[in-house]
Amino acid sequence: MIQNLYMEYAEHIRLCRHRRHFVDYKQAVDRGGSQSGVVPKVVLYNRFLNEILENLKKTKGRELPRIYNPLIVGDLFFKQAEL
């Protein structure tokens, strides 16, 4: 019984407890209406990648060329985890 509850909880967290859900254009068109009970905002991959590139430009420090600021990974995680 506990394992079943854990699996249900894990599935709920996987589907509903993140800020944004990333899709490509085709998935966004196919998705149509929103799913009931789903919290995340749907965001296109391309828009998210552009957001990351902008953040990389803003947080550029003393890193060597082609090396990113490792703190940006933590920032992206916390932004994705907040509701």
PDB file of N, CA and C in Angstrom:
ATOM      1  N   MET A   1       0.824  -1.189   0.000  1.00  0.00           N
ATOM      2  CA  MET A   1       0.000   0.000   0.000  1.00  0.00           C
ATOM      3  C   MET A   1       0.876   1.264   0.000  1.00  0.00           C
ATOM      4  N   ILE A   2       1.926   1.244   0.810  1.00  0.00           N
ATOM      5  CA  ILE A   2       2.810   2.413   0.877  1.00  0.00           C
ATOM      6  C   ILE A   2       3.515   2.622  -0.454  1.00  0.00           C
ATOM      7  N   GLN A   3       3.938   1.533  -1.092  1.00  0.00           N
ATOM      8  CA  GLN A   3       4.598   1.653  -2.393  1.00  0.00           C
ATOM      9  C   GLN A   3       3.640   2.253  -3.421  1.00  0.00           C
ATOM     10  N   ASN A   4       2.381   1.851  -3.394  1.00  0.00           N
ATOM     11  CA  ASN A   4       1.396   2.406  -4.332  1.00  0.00           C
ATOM     12  C   ASN A   4       1.180   3.895  -4.086  1.00  0.00           C
ATOM     13  N   LEU A   5       1.094   4.286  -2.823  1.00  0.00           N
ATOM     14  CA  LEU A   5       0.954   5.711  -2.501  1.00  0.00           C
ATOM     15  C   LEU A   5       2.176   6.493  -2.975  1.00  0.00           C
ATOM     16  N   TYR A   6       3.353   5.908  -2.768  1.00  0.00           N
ATOM     17  CA  TYR A   6       4.579   6.562  -3.216  1.00  0.00           C
ATOM     18  C   TYR A   6       4.585   6.737  -4.740  1.00  0.00           C
ATOM     19  N   MET A   7       4.172   5.720  -5.460  1.00  0.00           N
ATOM     20  CA  MET A   7       4.143   5.790  -6.925  1.00  0.00           C
ATOM     21  C   MET A   7       3.139   6.847  -7.398  1.00  0.00           C
ATOM     22  N   GLU A   8       1.978   6.930  -6.760  1.00  0.00           N
ATOM     23  CA  GLU A   8       0.992   7.963  -7.106  1.00  0.00           C
ATOM     24  C   GLU A   8       1.554   9.353  -6.834  1.00  0.00           C
ATOM     25  N   TYR A   9       2.212   9.503  -5.686  1.00  0.00           N
ATOM     26  CA  TYR A   9       2.811  10.791  -5.332  1.00  0.00           C
ATOM     27  C   TYR A   9       3.906  11.173  -6.326  1.00  0.00           C
ATOM     28  N   ALA A  10       4.761  10.230  -6.670  1.00  0.00           N
ATOM     29  CA  ALA A  10       5.838  10.492  -7.628  1.00  0.00           C
ATOM     30  C   ALA A  10       5.275  10.914  -8.976  1.00  0.00           C
ATOM     31  N   GLU A  11       4.205  10.269  -9.421  1.00  0.00           N
ATOM     32  CA  GLU A  11       3.581  10.620 -10.700  1.00  0.00           C
ATOM     33  C   GLU A  11       2.969  12.017 -10.637  1.00  0.00           C
ATOM     34  N   HIS A  12       2.340  12.339  -9.526  1.00  0.00           N
ATOM     35  CA  HIS A  12       1.763  13.676  -9.355  1.00  0.00           C
ATOM     36  C   HIS A  12       2.858  14.745  -9.398  1.00  0.00           C
ATOM     37  N   ILE A  13       3.944  14.514  -8.697  1.00  0.00           N
ATOM     38  CA  ILE A  13       5.061  15.470  -8.695  1.00  0.00           C
ATOM     39  C   ILE A  13       5.629  15.610 -10.105  1.00  0.00           C
ATOM     40  N   ARG A  14       5.796  14.496 -10.807  1.00  0.00           N
ATOM     41  CA  ARG A  14       6.363  14.535 -12.160  1.00  0.00           C
ATOM     42  C   ARG A  14       5.478  15.328 -13.107  1.00  0.00           C
ATOM     43  N   LEU A  15       4.169  15.191 -12.994  1.00  0.00           N
ATOM     44  CA  LEU A  15       3.258  15.828 -13.944  1.00  0.00           C
ATOM     45  C   LEU A  15       2.860  17.253 -13.567  1.00  0.00           C
ATOM     46  N   CYS A  16       2.760  17.550 -12.297  1.00  0.00           N
ATOM     47  CA  CYS A  16       2.087  18.788 -11.907  1.00  0.00           C
ATOM     48  C   CYS A  16       2.906  19.774 -11.093  1.00  0.00           C
ATOM     49  N   ARG A  17       3.985  19.384 -10.509  1.00  0.00           N
ATOM     50  CA  ARG A  17       4.635  20.259  -9.544  1.00  0.00           C
ATOM     51  C   ARG A  17       5.910  20.901 -10.078  1.00  0.00           C
ATOM     52  N   HIS A  18       5.821  21.487 -11.235  1.00  0.00           N
ATOM     53  CA  HIS A  18       6.909  22.282 -11.763  1.00  0.00           C
ATOM     54  C   HIS A  18       6.297  23.509 -12.418  1.00  0.00           C
ATOM     55  N   ARG A  19       7.102  24.525 -12.570  1.00  0.00           N
ATOM     56  CA  ARG A  19       6.581  25.821 -13.021  1.00  0.00           C
ATOM     57  C   ARG A  19       6.214  25.837 -14.496  1.00  0.00           C
ATOM     58  N   ARG A  20       7.074  25.243 -15.317  1.00  0.00           N
ATOM     59  CA  ARG A  20       6.844  25.291 -16.762  1.00  0.00           C
ATOM     60  C   ARG A  20       7.017  23.914 -17.373  1.00  0.00           C
ATOM     61  N   HIS A  21       6.220  23.658 -18.403  1.00  0.00           N
ATOM     62  CA  HIS A  21       6.314  22.404 -19.152  1.00  0.00           C
ATOM     63  C   HIS A  21       6.790  22.765 -20.550  1.00  0.00           C
ATOM     64  N   PHE A  22       7.929  22.199 -20.978  1.00  0.00           N
ATOM     65  CA  PHE A  22       8.541  22.573 -22.243  1.00  0.00           C
ATOM     66  C   PHE A  22       8.087  21.645 -23.359  1.00  0.00           C
ATOM     67  N   VAL A  23       7.643  22.228 -24.452  1.00  0.00           N
ATOM     68  CA  VAL A  23       7.167  21.466 -25.604  1.00  0.00           C
ATOM     69  C   VAL A  23       7.720  22.097 -26.875  1.00  0.00           C
ATOM     70  N   ASP A  24       7.770  21.291 -27.949  1.00  0.00           N
ATOM     71  CA  ASP A  24       8.106  21.875 -29.240  1.00  0.00           C
ATOM     72  C   ASP A  24       6.810  22.391 -29.873  1.00  0.00           C
ATOM     73  N   TYR A  25       6.927  23.041 -31.007  1.00  0.00           N
ATOM     74  CA  TYR A  25       5.769  23.679 -31.630  1.00  0.00           C
ATOM     75  C   TYR A  25       4.676  22.665 -31.956  1.00  0.00           C
ATOM     76  N   LYS A  26       5.055  21.509 -32.478  1.00  0.00           N
ATOM     77  CA  LYS A  26       4.070  20.489 -32.855  1.00  0.00           C
ATOM     78  C   LYS A  26       3.284  20.010 -31.635  1.00  0.00           C
ATOM     79  N   GLN A  27       3.982  19.783 -30.519  1.00  0.00           N
ATOM     80  CA  GLN A  27       3.294  19.356 -29.300  1.00  0.00           C
ATOM     81  C   GLN A  27       2.332  20.436 -28.816  1.00  0.00           C
ATOM     82  N   ALA A  28       2.723  21.696 -28.946  1.00  0.00           N
ATOM     83  CA  ALA A  28       1.863  22.786 -28.503  1.00  0.00           C
ATOM     84  C   ALA A  28       0.590  22.834 -29.338  1.00  0.00           C
ATOM     85  N   VAL A  29       0.711  22.616 -30.650  1.00  0.00           N
ATOM     86  CA  VAL A  29      -0.452  22.620 -31.532  1.00  0.00           C
ATOM     87  C   VAL A  29      -1.332  21.405 -31.248  1.00  0.00           C
ATOM     88  N   ASP A  30      -0.710  20.226 -31.098  1.00  0.00           N
ATOM     89  CA  ASP A  30      -1.461  19.001 -30.836  1.00  0.00           C
ATOM     90  C   ASP A  30      -2.162  19.027 -29.487  1.00  0.00           C
ATOM     91  N   ARG A  31      -1.572  19.723 -28.531  1.00  0.00           N
ATOM     92  CA  ARG A  31      -2.101  19.763 -27.174  1.00  0.00           C
ATOM     93  C   ARG A  31      -3.479  20.406 -27.117  1.00  0.00           C
ATOM     94  N   GLY A  32      -3.688  21.429 -27.918  1.00  0.00           N
ATOM     95  CA  GLY A  32      -4.978  22.099 -27.954  1.00  0.00           C
ATOM     96  C   GLY A  32      -5.301  22.731 -26.621  1.00  0.00           C
ATOM     97  N   GLY A  33      -6.404  22.308 -25.990  1.00  0.00           N
ATOM     98  CA  GLY A  33      -6.811  22.855 -24.702  1.00  0.00           C
ATOM     99  C   GLY A  33      -5.922  22.378 -23.587  1.00  0.00           C
ATOM    100  N   SER A  34      -6.035  23.027 -22.456  1.00  0.00           N
ATOM    101  CA  SER A  34      -5.209  22.653 -21.315  1.00  0.00           C
ATOM    102  C   SER A  34      -5.806  21.439 -20.619  1.00  0.00           C
ATOM    103  N   GLN A  35      -4.945  20.683 -19.956  1.00  0.00           N
ATOM    104  CA  GLN A  35      -5.394  19.522 -19.208  1.00  0.00           C
ATOM    105  C   GLN A  35      -5.895  19.977 -17.845  1.00  0.00           C
ATOM    106  N   SER A  36      -6.938  19.337 -17.363  1.00  0.00           N
ATOM    107  CA  SER A  36      -7.469  19.731 -16.064  1.00  0.00           C
ATOM    108  C   SER A  36      -6.518  19.281 -14.964  1.00  0.00           C
ATOM    109  N   GLY A  37      -6.314  20.144 -13.968  1.00  0.00           N
ATOM    110  CA  GLY A  37      -5.480  19.808 -12.837  1.00  0.00           C
ATOM    111  C   GLY A  37      -3.992  19.959 -13.073  1.00  0.00           C
ATOM    112  N   VAL A  38      -3.567  20.353 -14.255  1.00  0.00           N
ATOM    113  CA  VAL A  38      -2.146  20.503 -14.538  1.00  0.00           C
ATOM    114  C   VAL A  38      -1.735  21.946 -14.256  1.00  0.00           C
ATOM    115  N   VAL A  39      -0.756  22.118 -13.388  1.00  0.00           N
ATOM    116  CA  VAL A  39      -0.329  23.437 -12.952  1.00  0.00           C
ATOM    117  C   VAL A  39       0.633  24.126 -13.918  1.00  0.00           C
ATOM    118  N   PRO A  40       1.592  23.396 -14.524  1.00  0.00           N
ATOM    119  CA  PRO A  40       2.660  24.081 -15.274  1.00  0.00           C
ATOM    120  C   PRO A  40       2.178  24.879 -16.472  1.00  0.00           C
ATOM    121  N   LYS A  41       2.874  25.984 -16.707  1.00  0.00           N
ATOM    122  CA  LYS A  41       2.643  26.798 -17.893  1.00  0.00           C
ATOM    123  C   LYS A  41       3.382  26.145 -19.057  1.00  0.00           C
ATOM    124  N   VAL A  42       2.759  26.078 -20.210  1.00  0.00           N
ATOM    125  CA  VAL A  42       3.379  25.482 -21.391  1.00  0.00           C
ATOM    126  C   VAL A  42       4.272  26.526 -22.059  1.00  0.00           C
ATOM    127  N   VAL A  43       5.531  26.160 -22.297  1.00  0.00           N
ATOM    128  CA  VAL A  43       6.514  27.057 -22.900  1.00  0.00           C
ATOM    129  C   VAL A  43       7.181  26.318 -24.051  1.00  0.00           C
ATOM    130  N   LEU A  44       7.368  26.997 -25.169  1.00  0.00           N
ATOM    131  CA  LEU A  44       8.064  26.398 -26.308  1.00  0.00           C
ATOM    132  C   LEU A  44       9.559  26.282 -26.016  1.00  0.00           C
ATOM    133  N   TYR A  45      10.165  25.178 -26.470  1.00  0.00           N
ATOM    134  CA  TYR A  45      11.600  24.960 -26.288  1.00  0.00           C
ATOM    135  C   TYR A  45      12.414  26.155 -26.777  1.00  0.00           C
ATOM    136  N   ASN A  46      12.091  26.656 -27.950  1.00  0.00           N
ATOM    137  CA  ASN A  46      12.875  27.753 -28.529  1.00  0.00           C
ATOM    138  C   ASN A  46      12.864  28.979 -27.633  1.00  0.00           C
ATOM    139  N   ARG A  47      11.716  29.296 -27.061  1.00  0.00           N
ATOM    140  CA  ARG A  47      11.648  30.452 -26.158  1.00  0.00           C
ATOM    141  C   ARG A  47      12.484  30.215 -24.907  1.00  0.00           C
ATOM    142  N   PHE A  48      12.439  28.999 -24.395  1.00  0.00           N
ATOM    143  CA  PHE A  48      13.228  28.680 -23.210  1.00  0.00           C
ATOM    144  C   PHE A  48      14.724  28.761 -23.517  1.00  0.00           C
ATOM    145  N   LEU A  49      15.147  28.242 -24.658  1.00  0.00           N
ATOM    146  CA  LEU A  49      16.560  28.323 -25.028  1.00  0.00           C
ATOM    147  C   LEU A  49      17.007  29.771 -25.173  1.00  0.00           C
ATOM    148  N   ASN A  50      16.156  30.612 -25.734  1.00  0.00           N
ATOM    149  CA  ASN A  50      16.488  32.038 -25.840  1.00  0.00           C
ATOM    150  C   ASN A  50      16.621  32.666 -24.457  1.00  0.00           C
ATOM    151  N   GLU A  51      15.759  32.268 -23.533  1.00  0.00           N
ATOM    152  CA  GLU A  51      15.844  32.769 -22.160  1.00  0.00           C
ATOM    153  C   GLU A  51      17.170  32.355 -21.521  1.00  0.00           C
ATOM    154  N   ILE A  52      17.577  31.117 -21.745  1.00  0.00           N
ATOM    155  CA  ILE A  52      18.852  30.643 -21.202  1.00  0.00           C
ATOM    156  C   ILE A  52      20.022  31.429 -21.794  1.00  0.00           C
ATOM    157  N   LEU A  53      19.980  31.653 -23.100  1.00  0.00           N
ATOM    158  CA  LEU A  53      21.066  32.423 -23.740  1.00  0.00           C
ATOM    159  C   LEU A  53      21.154  33.834 -23.182  1.00  0.00           C
ATOM    160  N   GLU A  54      20.009  34.460 -22.943  1.00  0.00           N
ATOM    161  CA  GLU A  54      20.000  35.799 -22.356  1.00  0.00           C
ATOM    162  C   GLU A  54      20.582  35.772 -20.945  1.00  0.00           C
ATOM    163  N   ASN A  55      20.219  34.749 -20.160  1.00  0.00           N
ATOM    164  CA  ASN A  55      20.766  34.629 -18.808  1.00  0.00           C
ATOM    165  C   ASN A  55      22.272  34.402 -18.842  1.00  0.00           C
ATOM    166  N   LEU A  56      22.738  33.613 -19.802  1.00  0.00           N
ATOM    167  CA  LEU A  56      24.183  33.392 -19.935  1.00  0.00           C
ATOM    168  C   LEU A  56      24.916  34.691 -20.219  1.00  0.00           C
ATOM    169  N   LYS A  57      24.334  35.523 -21.080  1.00  0.00           N
ATOM    170  CA  LYS A  57      24.958  36.810 -21.393  1.00  0.00           C
ATOM    171  C   LYS A  57      25.001  37.719 -20.170  1.00  0.00           C
ATOM    172  N   LYS A  58      23.916  37.724 -19.392  1.00  0.00           N
ATOM    173  CA  LYS A  58      23.830  38.600 -18.214  1.00  0.00           C
ATOM    174  C   LYS A  58      24.754  38.151 -17.092  1.00  0.00           C
ATOM    175  N   THR A  59      24.991  36.852 -16.980  1.00  0.00           N
ATOM    176  CA  THR A  59      25.770  36.338 -15.855  1.00  0.00           C
ATOM    177  C   THR A  59      27.216  36.035 -16.230  1.00  0.00           C
ATOM    178  N   LYS A  60      27.639  36.468 -17.395  1.00  0.00           N
ATOM    179  CA  LYS A  60      29.017  36.215 -17.829  1.00  0.00           C
ATOM    180  C   LYS A  60      29.977  36.884 -16.863  1.00  0.00           C
ATOM    181  N   GLY A  61      30.880  36.087 -16.341  1.00  0.00           N
ATOM    182  CA  GLY A  61      31.864  36.605 -15.392  1.00  0.00           C
ATOM    183  C   GLY A  61      33.257  36.421 -15.927  1.00  0.00           C
ATOM    184  N   ARG A  62      34.085  35.796 -15.157  1.00  0.00           N
ATOM    185  CA  ARG A  62      35.488  35.619 -15.521  1.00  0.00           C
ATOM    186  C   ARG A  62      35.768  34.267 -16.160  1.00  0.00           C
ATOM    187  N   GLU A  63      34.736  33.582 -16.586  1.00  0.00           N
ATOM    188  CA  GLU A  63      34.925  32.269 -17.191  1.00  0.00           C
ATOM    189  C   GLU A  63      35.673  32.385 -18.518  1.00  0.00           C
ATOM    190  N   LEU A  64      36.340  31.319 -18.870  1.00  0.00           N
ATOM    191  CA  LEU A  64      36.999  31.267 -20.165  1.00  0.00           C
ATOM    192  C   LEU A  64      35.957  31.249 -21.274  1.00  0.00           C
ATOM    193  N   PRO A  65      36.352  31.618 -22.495  1.00  0.00           N
ATOM    194  CA  PRO A  65      35.399  31.553 -23.604  1.00  0.00           C
ATOM    195  C   PRO A  65      34.811  30.145 -23.745  1.00  0.00           C
ATOM    196  N   ARG A  66      33.539  30.088 -24.057  1.00  0.00           N
ATOM    197  CA  ARG A  66      32.772  28.847 -24.244  1.00  0.00           C
ATOM    198  C   ARG A  66      32.542  28.061 -22.949  1.00  0.00           C
ATOM    199  N   ILE A  67      32.858  28.666 -21.824  1.00  0.00           N
ATOM    200  CA  ILE A  67      32.583  28.053 -20.524  1.00  0.00           C
ATOM    201  C   ILE A  67      31.477  28.879 -19.879  1.00  0.00           C
ATOM    202  N   TYR A  68      30.429  28.186 -19.405  1.00  0.00           N
ATOM    203  CA  TYR A  68      29.307  28.902 -18.810  1.00  0.00           C
ATOM    204  C   TYR A  68      29.499  29.030 -17.301  1.00  0.00           C
ATOM    205  N   ASN A  69      28.758  29.943 -16.721  1.00  0.00           N
ATOM    206  CA  ASN A  69      28.744  30.139 -15.291  1.00  0.00           C
ATOM    207  C   ASN A  69      27.976  28.961 -14.658  1.00  0.00           C
ATOM    208  N   PRO A  70      28.621  28.139 -13.849  1.00  0.00           N
ATOM    209  CA  PRO A  70      27.944  26.963 -13.299  1.00  0.00           C
ATOM    210  C   PRO A  70      26.778  27.310 -12.374  1.00  0.00           C
ATOM    211  N   LEU A  71      26.745  28.515 -11.843  1.00  0.00           N
ATOM    212  CA  LEU A  71      25.652  28.904 -10.955  1.00  0.00           C
ATOM    213  C   LEU A  71      24.326  29.038 -11.698  1.00  0.00           C
ATOM    214  N   ILE A  72      24.384  29.198 -13.017  1.00  0.00           N
ATOM    215  CA  ILE A  72      23.141  29.347 -13.785  1.00  0.00           C
ATOM    216  C   ILE A  72      22.311  28.063 -13.750  1.00  0.00           C
ATOM    217  N   VAL A  73      22.959  26.912 -13.612  1.00  0.00           N
ATOM    218  CA  VAL A  73      22.228  25.644 -13.537  1.00  0.00           C
ATOM    219  C   VAL A  73      21.363  25.625 -12.276  1.00  0.00           C
ATOM    220  N   GLY A  74      21.915  26.037 -11.170  1.00  0.00           N
ATOM    221  CA  GLY A  74      21.152  26.114  -9.927  1.00  0.00           C
ATOM    222  C   GLY A  74      20.005  27.108 -10.029  1.00  0.00           C
ATOM    223  N   ASP A  75      20.273  28.262 -10.651  1.00  0.00           N
ATOM    224  CA  ASP A  75      19.219  29.262 -10.841  1.00  0.00           C
ATOM    225  C   ASP A  75      18.076  28.710 -11.677  1.00  0.00           C
ATOM    226  N   LEU A  76      18.402  28.010 -12.758  1.00  0.00           N
ATOM    227  CA  LEU A  76      17.360  27.411 -13.609  1.00  0.00           C
ATOM    228  C   LEU A  76      16.555  26.370 -12.841  1.00  0.00           C
ATOM    229  N   PHE A  77      17.239  25.568 -12.019  1.00  0.00           N
ATOM    230  CA  PHE A  77      16.534  24.558 -11.232  1.00  0.00           C
ATOM    231  C   PHE A  77      15.555  25.217 -10.263  1.00  0.00           C
ATOM    232  N   PHE A  78      16.011  26.224  -9.527  1.00  0.00           N
ATOM    233  CA  PHE A  78      15.130  26.862  -8.551  1.00  0.00           C
ATOM    234  C   PHE A  78      13.958  27.571  -9.217  1.00  0.00           C
ATOM    235  N   LYS A  79      14.196  28.172 -10.372  1.00  0.00           N
ATOM    236  CA  LYS A  79      13.093  28.808 -11.109  1.00  0.00           C
ATOM    237  C   LYS A  79      12.059  27.765 -11.566  1.00  0.00           C
ATOM    238  N   GLN A  80      12.542  26.602 -11.987  1.00  0.00           N
ATOM    239  CA  GLN A  80      11.644  25.546 -12.459  1.00  0.00           C
ATOM    240  C   GLN A  80      10.883  24.904 -11.304  1.00  0.00           C
ATOM    241  N   ALA A  81      11.506  24.837 -10.135  1.00  0.00           N
ATOM    242  CA  ALA A  81      10.884  24.166  -8.993  1.00  0.00           C
ATOM    243  C   ALA A  81       9.868  25.041  -8.262  1.00  0.00           C
ATOM    244  N   GLU A  82       9.962  26.348  -8.407  1.00  0.00           N
ATOM    245  CA  GLU A  82       9.019  27.206  -7.672  1.00  0.00           C
ATOM    246  C   GLU A  82       7.660  27.200  -8.352  1.00  0.00           C
ATOM    247  N   LEU A  83       6.629  27.382  -7.573  1.00  0.00           N
ATOM    248  CA  LEU A  83       5.277  27.408  -8.105  1.00  0.00           C
ATOM    249  C   LEU A  83       4.676  28.773  -8.014  1.00  0.00           C
TER     250      LEU A  83
END
